[in-house]
Amino acid sequence: MEINLVSRENEGELILSGRLDANSAPEAEPIFREVAERFDRVILNMEQLDYISSAGLRVIKILHMAMKKKDGELVLSNVNKMVMEVFELVGFAGLLKFQ
């Protein structure tokens, strides 16, 4: 998995590509935590994300909770159909904000 950060004042966009799974989630977690501390608004651009597992869902939930705790905003963008189905199956579709 590859994560690229685009920084815009109070907003950080993380561009995710590849697979967010048990192998990559441990690398993603500290990056997600740092971005949550640094920005008031975080966008997870998932246009190039091919797959997400329960480990990936876990780190997204950690990011969501960190942003909520500080009254920030987390937005998921460009979510492909397969990944969106996973969010819907586990009930995240109603919890998270999508654009």
Protein backbone atom coordinates (compact mmCIF):
# COMPACT_ATOMS: atom_id res chain seq x y z
CA MET A 1 0.00 0.00 0.00
CA GLU A 2 1.08 3.54 -0.69
CA ILE A 3 -0.07 6.65 1.19
CA ASN A 4 0.59 10.15 -0.12
CA LEU A 5 -0.26 13.31 1.80
CA VAL A 6 -1.43 16.52 0.16
CA SER A 7 -1.40 19.35 2.69
CA ARG A 8 -3.70 22.38 2.36
CA GLU A 9 -3.67 24.70 5.42
CA ASN A 10 -6.16 23.04 7.84
CA GLU A 11 -6.92 20.15 5.48
CA GLY A 12 -4.91 17.04 4.74
CA GLU A 13 -5.74 14.66 1.92
CA LEU A 14 -4.40 11.14 2.17
CA ILE A 15 -4.31 9.42 -1.21
CA LEU A 16 -4.45 5.66 -0.62
CA SER A 17 -3.49 3.11 -3.24
CA GLY A 18 -3.26 -0.65 -3.16
CA ARG A 19 -4.61 -2.72 -0.28
CA LEU A 20 -5.46 -1.57 3.25
CA ASP A 21 -5.24 -4.91 5.03
CA ALA A 22 -3.47 -6.73 7.87
CA ASN A 23 -0.10 -6.17 6.20
CA SER A 24 -0.46 -2.43 5.57
CA ALA A 25 -2.73 -1.29 8.44
CA PRO A 26 0.14 -1.25 11.00
CA GLU A 27 2.01 1.19 8.71
CA ALA A 28 -1.10 3.29 8.09
CA GLU A 29 -2.13 3.68 11.74
CA PRO A 30 0.67 6.05 12.88
CA ILE A 31 0.25 8.11 9.70
CA PHE A 32 -3.50 8.38 10.30
CA ARG A 33 -2.93 9.38 13.94
CA GLU A 34 -0.40 12.07 12.95
CA VAL A 35 -2.71 13.49 10.30
CA ALA A 36 -5.60 13.55 12.80
CA GLU A 37 -3.48 15.62 15.19
CA ARG A 38 -2.24 17.98 12.50
CA PHE A 39 -5.38 18.83 10.51
CA ASP A 40 -8.96 19.91 11.26
CA ARG A 41 -10.25 18.21 8.11
CA VAL A 42 -8.95 14.97 6.64
CA ILE A 43 -9.91 13.51 3.28
CA LEU A 44 -9.20 9.86 2.55
CA ASN A 45 -9.02 9.65 -1.23
CA MET A 46 -9.71 5.99 -2.03
CA GLU A 47 -9.80 6.19 -5.82
CA GLN A 48 -6.80 3.86 -6.10
CA LEU A 49 -7.64 1.66 -3.09
CA ASP A 50 -8.30 -1.84 -4.41
CA TYR A 51 -9.18 -3.69 -1.22
CA ILE A 52 -9.94 -3.14 2.47
CA SER A 53 -9.98 -5.75 5.23
CA SER A 54 -11.15 -5.65 8.85
CA ALA A 55 -7.68 -4.41 9.84
CA GLY A 56 -8.11 -1.53 7.40
CA LEU A 57 -11.56 -0.77 8.77
CA ARG A 58 -10.04 -0.67 12.25
CA VAL A 59 -7.51 2.05 11.38
CA ILE A 60 -10.18 4.08 9.59
CA LYS A 61 -12.33 3.84 12.71
CA ILE A 62 -9.37 5.03 14.82
CA LEU A 63 -8.96 8.01 12.47
CA HIS A 64 -12.70 8.72 12.57
CA MET A 65 -12.74 8.66 16.38
CA ALA A 66 -9.66 10.91 16.62
CA MET A 67 -11.24 13.48 14.30
CA LYS A 68 -14.57 13.32 16.11
CA LYS A 69 -12.86 13.80 19.48
CA LYS A 70 -11.33 17.09 18.33
CA ASP A 71 -14.47 18.23 16.45
CA GLY A 72 -12.69 17.72 13.15
CA GLU A 73 -14.06 16.24 9.97
CA LEU A 74 -13.18 13.03 8.15
CA VAL A 75 -14.40 12.62 4.58
CA LEU A 76 -13.93 9.58 2.36
CA SER A 77 -13.81 10.34 -1.35
CA ASN A 78 -13.75 8.35 -4.58
CA VAL A 79 -14.70 5.09 -2.87
CA ASN A 80 -15.01 2.30 -5.43
CA LYS A 81 -17.98 -0.05 -5.48
CA MET A 82 -16.25 -3.03 -3.85
CA VAL A 83 -14.85 -1.01 -0.95
CA MET A 84 -18.20 0.75 -0.49
CA GLU A 85 -19.92 -2.63 -0.21
CA VAL A 86 -17.59 -3.48 2.68
CA PHE A 87 -18.46 -0.19 4.42
CA GLU A 88 -22.16 -0.95 3.94
CA LEU A 89 -21.87 -4.53 5.21
CA VAL A 90 -20.21 -3.52 8.47
CA GLY A 91 -22.40 -0.47 9.06
CA PHE A 92 -19.72 2.17 8.41
CA ALA A 93 -21.68 3.69 5.53
CA GLY A 94 -24.02 5.40 8.00
CA LEU A 95 -21.18 6.39 10.34
CA LEU A 96 -18.76 8.00 7.91
CA LYS A 97 -19.09 10.96 5.55
CA PHE A 98 -18.60 10.33 1.83
CA GLN A 99 -18.16 12.68 -1.12
